[in-house]
Amino acid sequence: MFELEKLVRKNILELKSYSSARDEFSGKEGIFLDANENPFGELNRYPDPYQKELKSALSKVKGVSEQNIFIGNGSDEVIDLVYRVFCNPGIDKALSFTPTYGMYEVSANINDVAYIKLPLNEYFQIDKESLTPYLKDEKLKVIFVCSPNNPTGNVLSDIEFVLENFSGIVVVDEAYADFCSLPSWSQKINQFPNLIVMQTFSKARGLAGARVGIAYASSQIISLMNKVKPPYNVSALNQQAALTALMNTAIYEQQKNEILKQRTLLETELSKLNCVKRIYASDANFILIKVSDANIIYEFLVSHKIITRNRNTVVRNCIRITVGTAEENKQLINILKEFKA
C-alpha cells in the first residue's frame, strides 16, 4: 500500500522552505524595492520561481493540471530532488535497470544512496522475476525506469507491473517520448499516486542548451519538490525559451517528423554495411548498433570528425548514433563505407 508521508524523509516533512521576495509578492506592476535587485537593465529582476506562465502553457499542451507540474533546471535537477525528498542518506536505496542513463547512479552516489543496477533481459526489457524480490525491500525507496531507454532506444514494457507491485516511488523518464507513438505515462499520474514522469525540452524541442526539465506527479509530490528546490531554479531566459519552443508547434512537428524520417533512412543504410552486425529497434532520436569492433570504429569516425557515443563498456561492441540532419547522416554513411576491418 502506498503511503506518501511514510516515504518522505522526516526532515523534509518538517522543513520550512525558503520564502523569496517573489513568494511574498507575485504581481507584475509596482515599484519593486523588495529583492535587492539592480534597478537598471532588462534582466535585473528575479524570474518567476514557479514558472506559472510556462506551466499554464504546458498544462494546455499536455492535458495535465498546473498543480501536477514541476519545472526544473534540466532533468538532472528533478532526479536530484527525488533523492533529496525520499531517500535518507546512508540508509535508503534506489534501483534502475541497466544499461540506462548514468545520472541516476551518479546522483545516488552524490546523495549517499545505495544504488542497485538490475540488468535488463536479452531483449532489453524488465526481468520481472529478477525484480520481484527487491519490491518488498523496505529500504528501497525509488525505482527509475527510462522509456524509451537510453542507450538501447526501446520502450520498456511492464512498467504498470512495477507501479502496482512497489510501494515506493517509480520515476518514468520520458526524455525521448516525443519520438515514440505510445501515449505518455503523464496521463496516468492520477491512477498511480507513486508515479513521477520526467520529460525535457532538450530533445524534440531543441533546447539542450537551456536546461529545462519537467516532472508530472500528484500535487502532493509536486509540493514536496517545490519545497526543496532552490528559490529561482529556472532563469527568465530559459523560461522564455521554453515557452517560445512550446508555442512553435509547426516547427516542433516539422523537426520531429524529419528526425523520424531520417531515423528510418539511417537504419536502412546502416543495415547495408559489413561492419554493422545488428541494429536495435529505436523509439528515440538515436540508434544503437552492434559493430565488429566498437572501439576501433569509434576512433575511425572521430578521425573523420564524426562524433558518436561509444557504448562498448555498457553494451558490448555497441555504438549509439544520434539522428542528425540528412547531410550529416549521409556523411556518416559515406565514411563508414570507407571503413576496412
C-alpha atoms as a PDB file:
ATOM      1  CA  MET A   1       0.000   0.000   0.000  1.00  0.00           C
ATOM      2  CA  PHE A   2       1.326   3.406  -0.984  1.00  0.00           C
ATOM      3  CA  GLU A   3       1.607   5.935   1.864  1.00  0.00           C
ATOM      4  CA  LEU A   4       3.416   9.078   0.755  1.00  0.00           C
ATOM      5  CA  GLU A   5       4.213  10.508   4.188  1.00  0.00           C
ATOM      6  CA  LYS A   6       5.965   7.310   5.254  1.00  0.00           C
ATOM      7  CA  LEU A   7       8.255   7.575   2.225  1.00  0.00           C
ATOM      8  CA  VAL A   8       9.298  11.193   2.691  1.00  0.00           C
ATOM      9  CA  ARG A   9      12.376  11.987   4.766  1.00  0.00           C
ATOM     10  CA  LYS A  10      11.328  13.272   8.206  1.00  0.00           C
ATOM     11  CA  ASN A  11      13.435  16.431   7.915  1.00  0.00           C
ATOM     12  CA  ILE A  12      11.779  17.250   4.581  1.00  0.00           C
ATOM     13  CA  LEU A  13       8.300  16.828   6.038  1.00  0.00           C
ATOM     14  CA  GLU A  14       9.263  19.239   8.820  1.00  0.00           C
ATOM     15  CA  LEU A  15      11.197  21.621   6.564  1.00  0.00           C
ATOM     16  CA  LYS A  16      10.150  25.247   6.407  1.00  0.00           C
ATOM     17  CA  SER A  17      11.123  26.183   2.871  1.00  0.00           C
ATOM     18  CA  TYR A  18      12.815  29.446   1.939  1.00  0.00           C
ATOM     19  CA  SER A  19      10.398  32.242   1.160  1.00  0.00           C
ATOM     20  CA  SER A  20      11.702  34.503  -1.590  1.00  0.00           C
ATOM     21  CA  ALA A  21      10.604  38.035  -2.364  1.00  0.00           C
ATOM     22  CA  ARG A  22       8.562  36.709  -5.274  1.00  0.00           C
ATOM     23  CA  ASP A  23       6.771  34.264  -2.964  1.00  0.00           C
ATOM     24  CA  GLU A  24       5.557  37.160  -0.843  1.00  0.00           C
ATOM     25  CA  PHE A  25       4.556  39.388  -3.788  1.00  0.00           C
ATOM     26  CA  SER A  26       3.921  37.899  -7.218  1.00  0.00           C
ATOM     27  CA  GLY A  27       2.382  40.848  -9.038  1.00  0.00           C
ATOM     28  CA  LYS A  28       3.954  42.383 -12.151  1.00  0.00           C
ATOM     29  CA  GLU A  29       3.233  46.061 -11.573  1.00  0.00           C
ATOM     30  CA  GLY A  30       4.688  48.390  -8.972  1.00  0.00           C
ATOM     31  CA  ILE A  31       7.936  49.864  -7.731  1.00  0.00           C
ATOM     32  CA  PHE A  32       9.995  46.818  -6.747  1.00  0.00           C
ATOM     33  CA  LEU A  33      12.219  47.550  -3.772  1.00  0.00           C
ATOM     34  CA  ASP A  34      11.904  44.166  -2.082  1.00  0.00           C
ATOM     35  CA  ALA A  35      14.533  41.816  -3.560  1.00  0.00           C
ATOM     36  CA  ASN A  36      17.785  43.832  -3.538  1.00  0.00           C
ATOM     37  CA  GLU A  37      17.897  43.792  -7.341  1.00  0.00           C
ATOM     38  CA  ASN A  38      19.716  46.290  -9.536  1.00  0.00           C
ATOM     39  CA  PRO A  39      17.050  48.791 -10.652  1.00  0.00           C
ATOM     40  CA  PHE A  40      18.629  49.052 -14.138  1.00  0.00           C
ATOM     41  CA  GLY A  41      18.636  46.677 -17.092  1.00  0.00           C
ATOM     42  CA  GLU A  42      16.460  44.120 -18.863  1.00  0.00           C
ATOM     43  CA  LEU A  43      17.450  41.031 -16.851  1.00  0.00           C
ATOM     44  CA  ASN A  44      17.711  42.756 -13.494  1.00  0.00           C
ATOM     45  CA  ARG A  45      14.639  41.120 -11.952  1.00  0.00           C
ATOM     46  CA  TYR A  46      14.457  37.638 -10.481  1.00  0.00           C
ATOM     47  CA  PRO A  47      12.411  35.163 -12.539  1.00  0.00           C
ATOM     48  CA  ASP A  48       9.091  33.670 -11.521  1.00  0.00           C
ATOM     49  CA  PRO A  49      10.174  30.955  -9.045  1.00  0.00           C
ATOM     50  CA  TYR A  50       7.249  28.710 -10.002  1.00  0.00           C
ATOM     51  CA  GLN A  51       7.229  29.302 -13.780  1.00  0.00           C
ATOM     52  CA  LYS A  52       3.480  29.957 -13.804  1.00  0.00           C
ATOM     53  CA  GLU A  53       3.226  31.118 -17.422  1.00  0.00           C
ATOM     54  CA  LEU A  54       5.185  28.120 -18.709  1.00  0.00           C
ATOM     55  CA  LYS A  55       3.181  25.700 -16.553  1.00  0.00           C
ATOM     56  CA  SER A  56      -0.068  27.183 -17.859  1.00  0.00           C
ATOM     57  CA  ALA A  57       1.077  26.597 -21.442  1.00  0.00           C
ATOM     58  CA  LEU A  58       2.312  23.085 -20.650  1.00  0.00           C
ATOM     59  CA  SER A  59      -0.986  22.276 -18.973  1.00  0.00           C
ATOM     60  CA  LYS A  60      -2.876  23.091 -22.159  1.00  0.00           C
ATOM     61  CA  VAL A  61      -0.474  21.185 -24.437  1.00  0.00           C
ATOM     62  CA  LYS A  62      -0.060  18.100 -22.221  1.00  0.00           C
ATOM     63  CA  GLY A  63      -3.518  17.887 -20.670  1.00  0.00           C
ATOM     64  CA  VAL A  64      -2.119  17.884 -17.124  1.00  0.00           C
ATOM     65  CA  SER A  65      -3.207  20.251 -14.350  1.00  0.00           C
ATOM     66  CA  GLU A  66      -0.734  23.017 -13.427  1.00  0.00           C
ATOM     67  CA  GLN A  67      -0.631  21.768  -9.831  1.00  0.00           C
ATOM     68  CA  ASN A  68       0.734  18.475 -11.144  1.00  0.00           C
ATOM     69  CA  ILE A  69       3.701  20.060 -12.952  1.00  0.00           C
ATOM     70  CA  PHE A  70       7.206  20.796 -11.668  1.00  0.00           C
ATOM     71  CA  ILE A  71       9.777  22.598 -13.816  1.00  0.00           C
ATOM     72  CA  GLY A  72      13.445  22.229 -13.033  1.00  0.00           C
ATOM     73  CA  ASN A  73      16.893  23.233 -14.221  1.00  0.00           C
ATOM     74  CA  GLY A  74      17.113  20.220 -16.517  1.00  0.00           C
ATOM     75  CA  SER A  75      16.007  16.659 -15.792  1.00  0.00           C
ATOM     76  CA  ASP A  76      19.074  16.165 -13.628  1.00  0.00           C
ATOM     77  CA  GLU A  77      17.666  18.585 -11.053  1.00  0.00           C
ATOM     78  CA  VAL A  78      14.473  16.531 -10.986  1.00  0.00           C
ATOM     79  CA  ILE A  79      16.499  13.363 -10.352  1.00  0.00           C
ATOM     80  CA  ASP A  80      18.431  15.066  -7.552  1.00  0.00           C
ATOM     81  CA  LEU A  81      15.255  16.370  -5.899  1.00  0.00           C
ATOM     82  CA  VAL A  82      13.703  12.887  -5.926  1.00  0.00           C
ATOM     83  CA  TYR A  83      16.664  11.611  -3.914  1.00  0.00           C
ATOM     84  CA  ARG A  84      16.600  14.603  -1.567  1.00  0.00           C
ATOM     85  CA  VAL A  85      12.874  14.244  -0.839  1.00  0.00           C
ATOM     86  CA  PHE A  86      12.607  10.473  -0.463  1.00  0.00           C
ATOM     87  CA  CYS A  87      15.987   8.892   0.323  1.00  0.00           C
ATOM     88  CA  ASN A  88      17.717   9.128   3.693  1.00  0.00           C
ATOM     89  CA  PRO A  89      21.494   9.358   3.087  1.00  0.00           C
ATOM     90  CA  GLY A  90      23.391   6.252   4.118  1.00  0.00           C
ATOM     91  CA  ILE A  91      20.174   4.308   4.754  1.00  0.00           C
ATOM     92  CA  ASP A  92      17.872   4.081   1.755  1.00  0.00           C
ATOM     93  CA  LYS A  93      18.282   2.526  -1.692  1.00  0.00           C
ATOM     94  CA  ALA A  94      17.398   3.270  -5.300  1.00  0.00           C
ATOM     95  CA  LEU A  95      17.180   0.911  -8.272  1.00  0.00           C
ATOM     96  CA  SER A  96      17.344   1.221 -12.016  1.00  0.00           C
ATOM     97  CA  PHE A  97      17.647  -1.177 -14.913  1.00  0.00           C
ATOM     98  CA  THR A  98      20.883  -1.417 -16.819  1.00  0.00           C
ATOM     99  CA  PRO A  99      22.073  -0.296 -19.224  1.00  0.00           C
ATOM    100  CA  THR A 100      20.430   3.086 -18.752  1.00  0.00           C
ATOM    101  CA  TYR A 101      21.053   6.800 -18.189  1.00  0.00           C
ATOM    102  CA  GLY A 102      24.109   7.209 -15.970  1.00  0.00           C
ATOM    103  CA  MET A 103      22.918  10.186 -13.893  1.00  0.00           C
ATOM    104  CA  TYR A 104      20.577   8.032 -11.810  1.00  0.00           C
ATOM    105  CA  GLU A 105      23.657   6.345 -10.351  1.00  0.00           C
ATOM    106  CA  VAL A 106      25.802   9.492 -10.142  1.00  0.00           C
ATOM    107  CA  SER A 107      23.067  11.389  -8.307  1.00  0.00           C
ATOM    108  CA  ALA A 108      22.559   8.439  -5.959  1.00  0.00           C
ATOM    109  CA  ASN A 109      26.266   8.491  -5.119  1.00  0.00           C
ATOM    110  CA  ILE A 110      26.205  12.259  -4.535  1.00  0.00           C
ATOM    111  CA  ASN A 111      23.251  11.854  -2.166  1.00  0.00           C
ATOM    112  CA  ASP A 112      24.813   8.829  -0.404  1.00  0.00           C
ATOM    113  CA  VAL A 113      22.037   6.478  -1.515  1.00  0.00           C
ATOM    114  CA  ALA A 114      22.805   2.792  -2.140  1.00  0.00           C
ATOM    115  CA  TYR A 115      22.237   2.073  -5.810  1.00  0.00           C
ATOM    116  CA  ILE A 116      21.093  -1.215  -7.330  1.00  0.00           C
ATOM    117  CA  LYS A 117      21.664  -1.926 -11.029  1.00  0.00           C
ATOM    118  CA  LEU A 118      19.348  -4.667 -12.239  1.00  0.00           C
ATOM    119  CA  PRO A 119      20.197  -5.962 -15.733  1.00  0.00           C
ATOM    120  CA  LEU A 120      17.562  -5.870 -18.445  1.00  0.00           C
ATOM    121  CA  ASN A 121      16.951  -9.176 -20.194  1.00  0.00           C
ATOM    122  CA  GLU A 122      18.307 -10.108 -23.643  1.00  0.00           C
ATOM    123  CA  TYR A 123      15.503  -8.099 -25.278  1.00  0.00           C
ATOM    124  CA  PHE A 124      16.346  -5.004 -23.175  1.00  0.00           C
ATOM    125  CA  GLN A 125      13.152  -5.469 -21.160  1.00  0.00           C
ATOM    126  CA  ILE A 126      12.453  -5.667 -17.432  1.00  0.00           C
ATOM    127  CA  ASP A 127      13.046  -9.106 -15.960  1.00  0.00           C
ATOM    128  CA  LYS A 128      10.064  -9.335 -13.600  1.00  0.00           C
ATOM    129  CA  GLU A 129      11.364 -12.479 -11.913  1.00  0.00           C
ATOM    130  CA  SER A 130      14.663 -10.805 -11.014  1.00  0.00           C
ATOM    131  CA  LEU A 131      12.925  -7.610  -9.918  1.00  0.00           C
ATOM    132  CA  THR A 132      10.236  -9.126  -7.677  1.00  0.00           C
ATOM    133  CA  PRO A 133      12.416  -9.808  -4.580  1.00  0.00           C
ATOM    134  CA  TYR A 134      13.523  -6.168  -4.485  1.00  0.00           C
ATOM    135  CA  LEU A 135       9.964  -4.820  -4.485  1.00  0.00           C
ATOM    136  CA  LYS A 136       9.460  -5.844  -0.846  1.00  0.00           C
ATOM    137  CA  ASP A 137      12.672  -4.237   0.421  1.00  0.00           C
ATOM    138  CA  GLU A 138      11.581  -1.501   2.854  1.00  0.00           C
ATOM    139  CA  LYS A 139      14.826   0.394   2.278  1.00  0.00           C
ATOM    140  CA  LEU A 140      14.198   0.618  -1.467  1.00  0.00           C
ATOM    141  CA  LYS A 141      12.516   3.986  -1.953  1.00  0.00           C
ATOM    142  CA  VAL A 142      12.843   4.781  -5.676  1.00  0.00           C
ATOM    143  CA  ILE A 143      12.887   2.859  -8.965  1.00  0.00           C
ATOM    144  CA  PHE A 144      13.951   4.656 -12.154  1.00  0.00           C
ATOM    145  CA  VAL A 145      12.584   3.436 -15.489  1.00  0.00           C
ATOM    146  CA  CYS A 146      13.880   5.115 -18.639  1.00  0.00           C
ATOM    147  CA  SER A 147      11.426   4.571 -21.507  1.00  0.00           C
ATOM    148  CA  PRO A 148      12.365   4.878 -24.325  1.00  0.00           C
ATOM    149  CA  ASN A 149      15.576   3.725 -22.741  1.00  0.00           C
ATOM    150  CA  ASN A 150      18.995   5.262 -23.196  1.00  0.00           C
ATOM    151  CA  PRO A 151      21.162   3.835 -24.764  1.00  0.00           C
ATOM    152  CA  THR A 152      19.058   0.926 -26.056  1.00  0.00           C
ATOM    153  CA  GLY A 153      16.364   3.124 -27.661  1.00  0.00           C
ATOM    154  CA  ASN A 154      13.394   0.860 -26.945  1.00  0.00           C
ATOM    155  CA  VAL A 155      10.223   1.357 -24.917  1.00  0.00           C
ATOM    156  CA  LEU A 156      10.140  -0.732 -21.755  1.00  0.00           C
ATOM    157  CA  SER A 157       7.069  -2.864 -21.103  1.00  0.00           C
ATOM    158  CA  ASP A 158       5.841  -4.000 -17.659  1.00  0.00           C
ATOM    159  CA  ILE A 159       6.020  -0.502 -16.148  1.00  0.00           C
ATOM    160  CA  GLU A 160       2.483  -0.998 -14.842  1.00  0.00           C
ATOM    161  CA  PHE A 161       3.663  -4.164 -13.079  1.00  0.00           C
ATOM    162  CA  VAL A 162       6.303  -2.108 -11.264  1.00  0.00           C
ATOM    163  CA  LEU A 163       3.805   0.595 -10.284  1.00  0.00           C
ATOM    164  CA  GLU A 164       1.255  -1.893  -8.985  1.00  0.00           C
ATOM    165  CA  ASN A 165       3.690  -4.032  -7.005  1.00  0.00           C
ATOM    166  CA  PHE A 166       6.015  -1.439  -5.500  1.00  0.00           C
ATOM    167  CA  SER A 167       5.002   0.805  -2.587  1.00  0.00           C
ATOM    168  CA  GLY A 168       7.781   3.308  -3.238  1.00  0.00           C
ATOM    169  CA  ILE A 169       8.276   5.973  -5.909  1.00  0.00           C
ATOM    170  CA  VAL A 170       8.528   4.982  -9.583  1.00  0.00           C
ATOM    171  CA  VAL A 171      10.154   7.580 -11.841  1.00  0.00           C
ATOM    172  CA  VAL A 172       9.451   7.077 -15.546  1.00  0.00           C
ATOM    173  CA  ASP A 173      11.959   9.065 -17.578  1.00  0.00           C
ATOM    174  CA  GLU A 174      10.373  10.054 -20.900  1.00  0.00           C
ATOM    175  CA  ALA A 175      13.163  12.237 -22.295  1.00  0.00           C
ATOM    176  CA  TYR A 176      12.645  10.609 -25.713  1.00  0.00           C
ATOM    177  CA  ALA A 177       8.863  10.125 -25.602  1.00  0.00           C
ATOM    178  CA  ASP A 178       8.197  12.629 -28.409  1.00  0.00           C
ATOM    179  CA  PHE A 179       9.768  10.181 -30.874  1.00  0.00           C
ATOM    180  CA  CYS A 180       7.560   7.316 -29.715  1.00  0.00           C
ATOM    181  CA  SER A 181       3.992   6.614 -30.857  1.00  0.00           C
ATOM    182  CA  LEU A 182       2.790   5.375 -27.452  1.00  0.00           C
ATOM    183  CA  PRO A 183       0.895   7.695 -25.054  1.00  0.00           C
ATOM    184  CA  SER A 184       2.783   9.369 -22.231  1.00  0.00           C
ATOM    185  CA  TRP A 185       2.649   7.984 -18.699  1.00  0.00           C
ATOM    186  CA  SER A 186       1.882  11.551 -17.583  1.00  0.00           C
ATOM    187  CA  GLN A 187      -1.756  10.710 -18.367  1.00  0.00           C
ATOM    188  CA  LYS A 188      -1.726   8.133 -15.548  1.00  0.00           C
ATOM    189  CA  ILE A 189      -0.473  10.180 -12.599  1.00  0.00           C
ATOM    190  CA  ASN A 190      -3.998  10.257 -11.131  1.00  0.00           C
ATOM    191  CA  GLN A 191      -4.209   6.473 -11.407  1.00  0.00           C
ATOM    192  CA  PHE A 192      -0.833   5.844  -9.743  1.00  0.00           C
ATOM    193  CA  PRO A 193      -0.024   8.111  -6.753  1.00  0.00           C
ATOM    194  CA  ASN A 194       3.553   6.755  -6.637  1.00  0.00           C
ATOM    195  CA  LEU A 195       4.305   7.796 -10.226  1.00  0.00           C
ATOM    196  CA  ILE A 196       6.617  10.632 -11.300  1.00  0.00           C
ATOM    197  CA  VAL A 197       7.029  11.203 -15.039  1.00  0.00           C
ATOM    198  CA  MET A 198      10.042  13.151 -16.306  1.00  0.00           C
ATOM    199  CA  GLN A 199      10.195  14.946 -19.647  1.00  0.00           C
ATOM    200  CA  THR A 200      12.517  17.547 -21.117  1.00  0.00           C
ATOM    201  CA  PHE A 201      12.840  20.403 -23.587  1.00  0.00           C
ATOM    202  CA  SER A 202      16.332  19.164 -24.526  1.00  0.00           C
ATOM    203  CA  LYS A 203      15.434  16.636 -27.224  1.00  0.00           C
ATOM    204  CA  ALA A 204      12.442  17.147 -29.528  1.00  0.00           C
ATOM    205  CA  ARG A 205      12.089  20.815 -28.543  1.00  0.00           C
ATOM    206  CA  GLY A 206      15.751  21.503 -29.349  1.00  0.00           C
ATOM    207  CA  LEU A 207      16.662  23.300 -26.104  1.00  0.00           C
ATOM    208  CA  ALA A 208      19.513  21.204 -24.695  1.00  0.00           C
ATOM    209  CA  GLY A 209      21.420  24.414 -24.009  1.00  0.00           C
ATOM    210  CA  ALA A 210      18.575  25.937 -21.997  1.00  0.00           C
ATOM    211  CA  ARG A 211      18.320  23.144 -19.374  1.00  0.00           C
ATOM    212  CA  VAL A 212      14.573  22.886 -18.747  1.00  0.00           C
ATOM    213  CA  GLY A 213      13.220  19.645 -17.307  1.00  0.00           C
ATOM    214  CA  ILE A 214       9.691  18.710 -16.287  1.00  0.00           C
ATOM    215  CA  ALA A 215       8.123  16.389 -13.733  1.00  0.00           C
ATOM    216  CA  TYR A 216       4.470  15.335 -13.669  1.00  0.00           C
ATOM    217  CA  ALA A 217       3.142  13.814 -10.452  1.00  0.00           C
ATOM    218  CA  SER A 218       0.467  14.123  -7.776  1.00  0.00           C
ATOM    219  CA  SER A 219       0.039  17.617  -6.345  1.00  0.00           C
ATOM    220  CA  GLN A 220       1.414  16.319  -3.019  1.00  0.00           C
ATOM    221  CA  ILE A 221       4.669  15.160  -4.617  1.00  0.00           C
ATOM    222  CA  ILE A 222       4.970  18.381  -6.647  1.00  0.00           C
ATOM    223  CA  SER A 223       4.533  20.401  -3.441  1.00  0.00           C
ATOM    224  CA  LEU A 224       7.383  18.498  -1.811  1.00  0.00           C
ATOM    225  CA  MET A 225       9.656  19.128  -4.790  1.00  0.00           C
ATOM    226  CA  ASN A 226       8.789  22.838  -4.734  1.00  0.00           C
ATOM    227  CA  LYS A 227       9.573  22.853  -1.023  1.00  0.00           C
ATOM    228  CA  VAL A 228      13.116  21.552  -1.591  1.00  0.00           C
ATOM    229  CA  LYS A 229      14.120  23.251  -4.850  1.00  0.00           C
ATOM    230  CA  PRO A 230      16.320  26.391  -4.996  1.00  0.00           C
ATOM    231  CA  PRO A 231      14.177  29.572  -4.990  1.00  0.00           C
ATOM    232  CA  TYR A 232      14.903  30.678  -8.579  1.00  0.00           C
ATOM    233  CA  ASN A 233      15.855  27.397 -10.208  1.00  0.00           C
ATOM    234  CA  VAL A 234      14.988  28.245 -13.846  1.00  0.00           C
ATOM    235  CA  SER A 235      16.212  31.535 -15.316  1.00  0.00           C
ATOM    236  CA  ALA A 236      13.926  34.031 -17.036  1.00  0.00           C
ATOM    237  CA  LEU A 237      15.822  33.465 -20.296  1.00  0.00           C
ATOM    238  CA  ASN A 238      15.286  29.716 -20.141  1.00  0.00           C
ATOM    239  CA  GLN A 239      11.630  30.031 -19.168  1.00  0.00           C
ATOM    240  CA  GLN A 240      11.038  32.276 -22.186  1.00  0.00           C
ATOM    241  CA  ALA A 241      12.981  29.963 -24.493  1.00  0.00           C
ATOM    242  CA  ALA A 242      10.868  27.005 -23.340  1.00  0.00           C
ATOM    243  CA  LEU A 243       7.633  28.969 -23.719  1.00  0.00           C
ATOM    244  CA  THR A 244       8.577  30.047 -27.247  1.00  0.00           C
ATOM    245  CA  ALA A 245       9.524  26.489 -28.223  1.00  0.00           C
ATOM    246  CA  LEU A 246       6.256  25.161 -26.815  1.00  0.00           C
ATOM    247  CA  MET A 247       4.248  27.657 -28.858  1.00  0.00           C
ATOM    248  CA  ASN A 248       6.125  26.902 -32.101  1.00  0.00           C
ATOM    249  CA  THR A 249       4.041  23.819 -32.825  1.00  0.00           C
ATOM    250  CA  ALA A 250       4.669  23.819 -36.585  1.00  0.00           C
ATOM    251  CA  ILE A 251       8.466  23.869 -36.142  1.00  0.00           C
ATOM    252  CA  TYR A 252       8.294  21.147 -33.494  1.00  0.00           C
ATOM    253  CA  GLU A 253       6.207  18.865 -35.719  1.00  0.00           C
ATOM    254  CA  GLN A 254       8.354  19.503 -38.796  1.00  0.00           C
ATOM    255  CA  GLN A 255      11.619  18.791 -36.996  1.00  0.00           C
ATOM    256  CA  LYS A 256      10.252  15.738 -35.203  1.00  0.00           C
ATOM    257  CA  ASN A 257       8.910  14.253 -38.439  1.00  0.00           C
ATOM    258  CA  GLU A 258      12.209  14.910 -40.197  1.00  0.00           C
ATOM    259  CA  ILE A 259      14.110  13.150 -37.401  1.00  0.00           C
ATOM    260  CA  LEU A 260      11.770  10.150 -37.632  1.00  0.00           C
ATOM    261  CA  LYS A 261      12.171  10.062 -41.403  1.00  0.00           C
ATOM    262  CA  GLN A 262      15.947  10.254 -41.120  1.00  0.00           C
ATOM    263  CA  ARG A 263      15.955   7.556 -38.429  1.00  0.00           C
ATOM    264  CA  THR A 264      14.307   5.139 -40.855  1.00  0.00           C
ATOM    265  CA  LEU A 265      16.665   6.075 -43.682  1.00  0.00           C
ATOM    266  CA  LEU A 266      19.679   5.748 -41.384  1.00  0.00           C
ATOM    267  CA  GLU A 267      18.559   2.291 -40.247  1.00  0.00           C
ATOM    268  CA  THR A 268      18.195   1.216 -43.878  1.00  0.00           C
ATOM    269  CA  GLU A 269      21.640   2.475 -44.906  1.00  0.00           C
ATOM    270  CA  LEU A 270      23.385   1.123 -41.804  1.00  0.00           C
ATOM    271  CA  SER A 271      21.947  -2.337 -42.466  1.00  0.00           C
ATOM    272  CA  LYS A 272      23.885  -2.464 -45.752  1.00  0.00           C
ATOM    273  CA  LEU A 273      27.301  -2.042 -44.109  1.00  0.00           C
ATOM    274  CA  ASN A 274      29.548  -5.027 -43.403  1.00  0.00           C
ATOM    275  CA  CYS A 275      30.845  -3.530 -40.158  1.00  0.00           C
ATOM    276  CA  VAL A 276      27.312  -3.299 -38.727  1.00  0.00           C
ATOM    277  CA  LYS A 277      26.248  -6.585 -37.162  1.00  0.00           C
ATOM    278  CA  ARG A 278      22.924  -5.574 -35.634  1.00  0.00           C
ATOM    279  CA  ILE A 279      20.604  -2.574 -35.493  1.00  0.00           C
ATOM    280  CA  TYR A 280      18.430  -2.381 -32.392  1.00  0.00           C
ATOM    281  CA  ALA A 281      14.869  -1.110 -32.840  1.00  0.00           C
ATOM    282  CA  SER A 282      14.555   2.500 -31.706  1.00  0.00           C
ATOM    283  CA  ASP A 283      11.694   4.602 -30.346  1.00  0.00           C
ATOM    284  CA  ALA A 284      14.044   7.540 -29.763  1.00  0.00           C
ATOM    285  CA  ASN A 285      16.088  10.055 -31.771  1.00  0.00           C
ATOM    286  CA  PHE A 286      19.107   7.764 -31.804  1.00  0.00           C
ATOM    287  CA  ILE A 287      20.040   4.268 -32.938  1.00  0.00           C
ATOM    288  CA  LEU A 288      22.086   1.676 -31.078  1.00  0.00           C
ATOM    289  CA  ILE A 289      24.116  -0.518 -33.401  1.00  0.00           C
ATOM    290  CA  LYS A 290      26.339  -3.515 -32.769  1.00  0.00           C
ATOM    291  CA  VAL A 291      29.510  -3.369 -34.828  1.00  0.00           C
ATOM    292  CA  SER A 292      32.557  -5.530 -35.460  1.00  0.00           C
ATOM    293  CA  ASP A 293      34.734  -3.526 -33.056  1.00  0.00           C
ATOM    294  CA  ALA A 294      33.217  -0.513 -31.305  1.00  0.00           C
ATOM    295  CA  ASN A 295      36.494   0.970 -30.067  1.00  0.00           C
ATOM    296  CA  ILE A 296      38.174   0.895 -33.472  1.00  0.00           C
ATOM    297  CA  ILE A 297      35.137   2.163 -35.396  1.00  0.00           C
ATOM    298  CA  TYR A 298      34.509   4.929 -32.888  1.00  0.00           C
ATOM    299  CA  GLU A 299      38.087   6.188 -33.272  1.00  0.00           C
ATOM    300  CA  PHE A 300      37.840   5.826 -37.053  1.00  0.00           C
ATOM    301  CA  LEU A 301      34.786   8.092 -37.055  1.00  0.00           C
ATOM    302  CA  VAL A 302      36.454  10.594 -34.728  1.00  0.00           C
ATOM    303  CA  SER A 303      39.421  10.770 -37.114  1.00  0.00           C
ATOM    304  CA  HIS A 304      36.916  11.944 -39.738  1.00  0.00           C
ATOM    305  CA  LYS A 305      35.371  14.446 -37.295  1.00  0.00           C
ATOM    306  CA  ILE A 306      32.180  12.434 -36.823  1.00  0.00           C
ATOM    307  CA  ILE A 307      31.424  12.058 -33.139  1.00  0.00           C
ATOM    308  CA  THR A 308      29.194   9.217 -31.957  1.00  0.00           C
ATOM    309  CA  ARG A 309      28.934   7.627 -28.486  1.00  0.00           C
ATOM    310  CA  ASN A 310      30.959   4.518 -27.775  1.00  0.00           C
ATOM    311  CA  ARG A 311      28.785   2.336 -25.527  1.00  0.00           C
ATOM    312  CA  ASN A 312      31.118  -0.659 -25.562  1.00  0.00           C
ATOM    313  CA  THR A 313      31.510  -0.572 -21.783  1.00  0.00           C
ATOM    314  CA  VAL A 314      27.757  -0.984 -21.208  1.00  0.00           C
ATOM    315  CA  VAL A 315      26.636  -2.962 -24.287  1.00  0.00           C
ATOM    316  CA  ARG A 316      29.417  -4.995 -25.861  1.00  0.00           C
ATOM    317  CA  ASN A 317      30.664  -3.607 -29.214  1.00  0.00           C
ATOM    318  CA  CYS A 318      27.822  -1.111 -29.483  1.00  0.00           C
ATOM    319  CA  ILE A 319      27.824   2.479 -30.680  1.00  0.00           C
ATOM    320  CA  ARG A 320      24.983   4.949 -30.170  1.00  0.00           C
ATOM    321  CA  ILE A 321      24.311   7.259 -33.099  1.00  0.00           C
ATOM    322  CA  THR A 322      22.145  10.351 -32.759  1.00  0.00           C
ATOM    323  CA  VAL A 323      19.958  11.007 -35.799  1.00  0.00           C
ATOM    324  CA  GLY A 324      21.374  14.115 -37.458  1.00  0.00           C
ATOM    325  CA  THR A 325      20.374  16.159 -40.478  1.00  0.00           C
ATOM    326  CA  ALA A 326      20.080  14.488 -43.870  1.00  0.00           C
ATOM    327  CA  GLU A 327      23.535  15.783 -44.840  1.00  0.00           C
ATOM    328  CA  GLU A 328      25.131  14.704 -41.537  1.00  0.00           C
ATOM    329  CA  ASN A 329      23.662  11.223 -41.844  1.00  0.00           C
ATOM    330  CA  LYS A 330      24.842  10.961 -45.435  1.00  0.00           C
ATOM    331  CA  GLN A 331      28.382  11.860 -44.416  1.00  0.00           C
ATOM    332  CA  LEU A 332      28.296   9.281 -41.608  1.00  0.00           C
ATOM    333  CA  ILE A 333      27.264   6.508 -44.001  1.00  0.00           C
ATOM    334  CA  ASN A 334      29.823   7.510 -46.612  1.00  0.00           C
ATOM    335  CA  ILE A 335      32.642   7.464 -44.064  1.00  0.00           C
ATOM    336  CA  LEU A 336      31.540   4.074 -42.697  1.00  0.00           C
ATOM    337  CA  LYS A 337      31.585   2.696 -46.231  1.00  0.00           C
ATOM    338  CA  GLU A 338      35.302   3.500 -46.294  1.00  0.00           C
ATOM    339  CA  PHE A 339      35.990   1.515 -43.118  1.00  0.00           C
ATOM    340  CA  LYS A 340      38.047  -1.593 -43.661  1.00  0.00           C
ATOM    341  CA  ALA A 341      38.106  -4.154 -40.870  1.00  0.00           C
END
